[in-house]
Amino acid sequence: MQYKALFLDLDGTTVNHMGNQPTERVTKAVKQLQGKLQVCIATGRPFFAAKPVFDHLKISGPSVLANGVQIYDPVNKKVISEKTIDRSLVPEIYRICKEYIPESNNKIHIFDGTKDVQYETGKIEKAMSIFVTDLIDEIADTIMQRLNGFTSIAVHKGNAYNKQLRCLDVTHALASKLHGIQEVAQIMQVDTHEIIGVGDG
């Protein structure tokens, strides 16, 4: 089969976790593929954290950022699609999360599409995701159970940087790497069976 697009995960695949510099071997492999098929990225990183890799590898294919909340066009250097959380839900989501987190801990991060912002009542213009970190399993599961009552959002559980703790990523219900790749396939006018992905999960 002749593939038309390649999607690369970043952390643990294209670069080491939290790294920005692909190895010489990865760089050479990507360079050899460019021109033969579209090379794209699908990552949990927001653009500001993924930009060094985009620049180094000269990525030109539409790419999935922040676990699917944004589709980025690296040629025209702009976001071409994004999924936002219903603004009216943000205060309630924040309130539920805060019930289980001590006031002194700054563990709730709201991503507005370009940067993490602090929650202030009535001042959040746009929330792409709400990230809650450093939770024990029991608390993470309790928060998930309560938030699962909102049908317009999705709650993803993962490992925090401290592997013994958990994190939650709250997004629009249709924001995921899979949804993002499907959307990019439509943009590029290729079938999903003509796409190959490389990742560590």
Protein backbone atom coordinates (compact mmCIF):
# COMPACT_ATOMS: atom_id res chain seq x y z
CA MET A 1 0.00 0.00 0.00
CA GLN A 2 1.18 3.51 -0.81
CA TYR A 3 0.76 5.64 2.29
CA LYS A 4 0.04 9.32 1.75
CA ALA A 5 0.58 10.68 5.27
CA LEU A 6 2.66 9.87 8.33
CA PHE A 7 1.71 11.02 11.84
CA LEU A 8 4.47 11.19 14.42
CA ASP A 9 3.92 11.27 18.16
CA LEU A 10 6.46 13.43 19.97
CA ASP A 11 7.20 12.45 23.56
CA GLY A 12 8.69 8.99 23.78
CA THR A 13 8.82 8.63 19.99
CA THR A 14 10.23 11.54 18.00
CA VAL A 15 11.94 13.04 21.06
CA ASN A 16 12.57 11.99 24.63
CA HIS A 17 9.90 13.02 27.12
CA MET A 18 10.15 16.81 27.56
CA GLY A 19 12.96 16.92 24.98
CA ASN A 20 13.00 19.20 21.94
CA GLN A 21 15.82 17.77 19.84
CA PRO A 22 15.17 14.65 17.71
CA THR A 23 18.16 12.39 17.25
CA GLU A 24 20.20 12.56 14.07
CA ARG A 25 18.71 9.22 13.03
CA VAL A 26 15.12 10.47 13.42
CA THR A 27 15.95 13.73 11.64
CA LYS A 28 17.47 11.87 8.70
CA ALA A 29 14.53 9.45 8.45
CA VAL A 30 11.97 12.28 8.41
CA LYS A 31 13.97 14.19 5.80
CA GLN A 32 14.00 11.13 3.54
CA LEU A 33 10.21 10.80 3.79
CA GLN A 34 9.41 14.43 3.08
CA GLY A 35 8.32 14.86 -0.51
CA LYS A 36 7.15 11.25 -0.65
CA LEU A 37 4.24 11.73 1.75
CA GLN A 38 2.84 14.33 4.13
CA VAL A 39 4.69 14.29 7.45
CA CYS A 40 2.44 15.44 10.29
CA ILE A 41 2.57 15.49 14.08
CA ALA A 42 -0.04 14.28 16.57
CA THR A 43 0.93 15.26 20.10
CA GLY A 44 -0.37 16.10 23.52
CA ARG A 45 1.83 19.17 23.54
CA PRO A 46 0.44 22.65 22.86
CA PHE A 47 2.11 24.55 20.03
CA PHE A 48 4.54 26.55 22.17
CA ALA A 49 5.99 23.27 23.50
CA ALA A 50 5.99 21.53 20.10
CA LYS A 51 7.38 24.44 18.03
CA PRO A 52 11.09 23.51 18.41
CA VAL A 53 10.37 20.08 16.90
CA PHE A 54 8.28 21.57 14.07
CA ASP A 55 11.13 23.93 13.25
CA HIS A 56 13.88 21.32 13.51
CA LEU A 57 12.12 18.75 11.31
CA LYS A 58 10.56 21.35 8.98
CA ILE A 59 7.12 19.77 9.38
CA SER A 60 4.71 20.91 6.66
CA GLY A 61 1.68 18.64 7.11
CA PRO A 62 -1.40 19.73 9.11
CA SER A 63 -0.86 18.55 12.67
CA VAL A 64 -2.82 17.66 15.79
CA LEU A 65 -1.91 19.60 18.93
CA ALA A 66 -2.80 19.37 22.62
CA ASN A 67 -4.41 15.92 22.26
CA GLY A 68 -6.76 17.06 19.52
CA VAL A 69 -8.01 20.43 20.74
CA GLN A 70 -6.26 22.19 17.84
CA ILE A 71 -5.31 21.49 14.23
CA TYR A 72 -2.28 23.51 13.17
CA ASP A 73 -1.15 24.42 9.65
CA PRO A 74 2.66 24.78 9.83
CA VAL A 75 2.93 26.16 6.28
CA ASN A 76 0.69 29.15 6.94
CA LYS A 77 1.62 29.12 10.64
CA LYS A 78 -1.91 29.25 12.01
CA VAL A 79 -4.48 27.19 13.86
CA ILE A 80 -7.14 26.10 11.37
CA SER A 81 -9.49 24.28 13.72
CA GLU A 82 -10.06 24.06 17.45
CA LYS A 83 -12.43 22.49 19.95
CA THR A 84 -13.30 24.58 23.00
CA ILE A 85 -15.01 23.66 26.24
CA ASP A 86 -18.41 25.32 26.68
CA ARG A 87 -17.50 28.49 28.57
CA SER A 88 -20.54 28.16 30.84
CA LEU A 89 -19.21 24.83 32.15
CA VAL A 90 -15.77 26.09 33.15
CA PRO A 91 -16.74 27.47 36.61
CA GLU A 92 -18.49 24.21 37.55
CA ILE A 93 -15.63 22.02 36.29
CA TYR A 94 -13.17 24.17 38.22
CA ARG A 95 -15.32 24.07 41.37
CA ILE A 96 -15.56 20.26 41.30
CA CYS A 97 -11.80 19.85 40.80
CA LYS A 98 -11.01 22.38 43.52
CA GLU A 99 -13.07 20.44 46.08
CA TYR A 100 -10.40 17.75 46.11
CA ILE A 101 -7.29 19.91 45.90
CA PRO A 102 -5.88 21.94 48.82
CA GLU A 103 -6.07 25.70 48.30
CA SER A 104 -2.30 25.99 48.63
CA ASN A 105 -1.64 23.71 45.66
CA ASN A 106 -1.56 25.20 42.17
CA LYS A 107 -2.50 22.03 40.30
CA ILE A 108 -5.31 23.18 38.00
CA HIS A 109 -4.18 24.63 34.67
CA ILE A 110 -6.50 26.11 32.05
CA PHE A 111 -5.16 26.19 28.49
CA ASP A 112 -6.64 29.03 26.42
CA GLY A 113 -5.19 27.96 23.09
CA THR A 114 -1.83 29.68 23.43
CA LYS A 115 -0.86 29.49 27.09
CA ASP A 116 -1.88 28.28 30.54
CA VAL A 117 -3.93 30.83 32.48
CA GLN A 118 -5.08 31.09 36.07
CA TYR A 119 -8.77 30.70 36.75
CA GLU A 120 -10.58 33.92 37.61
CA THR A 121 -14.36 33.96 37.84
CA GLY A 122 -15.87 35.48 34.72
CA LYS A 123 -12.49 36.21 33.13
CA ILE A 124 -11.84 33.02 31.17
CA GLU A 125 -12.50 33.96 27.55
CA LYS A 126 -11.69 30.55 26.11
CA ALA A 127 -10.83 27.17 27.62
CA MET A 128 -9.39 24.53 25.32
CA SER A 129 -8.52 22.15 28.14
CA ILE A 130 -8.42 21.99 31.91
CA PHE A 131 -5.46 20.01 33.22
CA VAL A 132 -5.37 18.72 36.80
CA THR A 133 -2.16 17.12 38.00
CA ASP A 134 -0.60 15.22 40.91
CA LEU A 135 -3.67 13.31 42.06
CA ILE A 136 -3.82 10.00 43.88
CA ASP A 137 -5.87 7.36 42.06
CA GLU A 138 -8.87 7.57 44.36
CA ILE A 139 -9.26 11.34 43.94
CA ALA A 140 -8.65 11.18 40.17
CA ASP A 141 -11.36 8.52 39.82
CA THR A 142 -13.80 10.50 41.97
CA ILE A 143 -13.33 13.67 39.94
CA MET A 144 -13.69 11.69 36.70
CA GLN A 145 -16.93 10.12 37.91
CA ARG A 146 -18.40 13.51 38.74
CA LEU A 147 -17.28 15.17 35.51
CA ASN A 148 -18.53 12.31 33.35
CA GLY A 149 -22.02 13.66 33.96
CA PHE A 150 -21.26 16.46 31.48
CA THR A 151 -21.87 14.99 28.02
CA SER A 152 -20.13 17.77 26.08
CA ILE A 153 -16.71 17.12 27.63
CA ALA A 154 -14.30 14.20 27.82
CA VAL A 155 -12.05 13.41 30.77
CA HIS A 156 -8.78 11.59 30.09
CA LYS A 157 -6.74 10.04 32.90
CA GLY A 158 -2.99 9.62 32.61
CA ASN A 159 0.22 9.46 34.60
CA ALA A 160 1.63 12.62 36.15
CA TYR A 161 5.37 13.31 35.89
CA ASN A 162 5.56 11.56 39.24
CA LYS A 163 4.52 8.13 37.92
CA GLN A 164 2.90 7.24 41.24
CA LEU A 165 0.36 10.04 40.78
CA ARG A 166 -2.28 10.72 38.13
CA CYS A 167 -3.42 13.65 36.03
CA LEU A 168 -6.73 14.50 34.34
CA ASP A 169 -7.15 16.31 31.05
CA VAL A 170 -10.63 17.76 30.49
CA THR A 171 -11.45 18.66 26.88
CA HIS A 172 -14.31 19.03 24.43
CA ALA A 173 -15.95 15.62 23.89
CA LEU A 174 -14.66 15.49 20.30
CA ALA A 175 -11.09 16.52 21.13
CA SER A 176 -8.70 13.58 20.87
CA LYS A 177 -5.77 12.57 18.72
CA LEU A 178 -8.04 10.17 16.85
CA HIS A 179 -10.64 12.83 16.09
CA GLY A 180 -7.85 15.20 15.11
CA ILE A 181 -6.25 12.74 12.70
CA GLN A 182 -9.64 12.05 11.13
CA GLU A 183 -10.16 15.79 10.65
CA VAL A 184 -6.71 16.22 9.11
CA ALA A 185 -7.43 13.32 6.76
CA GLN A 186 -10.46 15.24 5.48
CA ILE A 187 -8.40 18.42 5.10
CA MET A 188 -5.73 16.56 3.10
CA GLN A 189 -8.40 14.58 1.22
CA VAL A 190 -6.87 11.21 2.02
CA ASP A 191 -8.52 8.09 3.41
CA THR A 192 -7.57 7.06 6.93
CA HIS A 193 -6.28 3.70 5.62
CA GLU A 194 -3.71 5.72 3.64
CA ILE A 195 -2.29 7.11 6.89
CA ILE A 196 0.36 5.46 9.05
CA GLY A 197 1.18 6.51 12.60
CA VAL A 198 4.26 6.06 14.78
CA GLY A 199 3.96 6.37 18.55
CA ASP A 200 4.72 4.76 21.88
CA GLY A 201 1.14 4.06 22.96
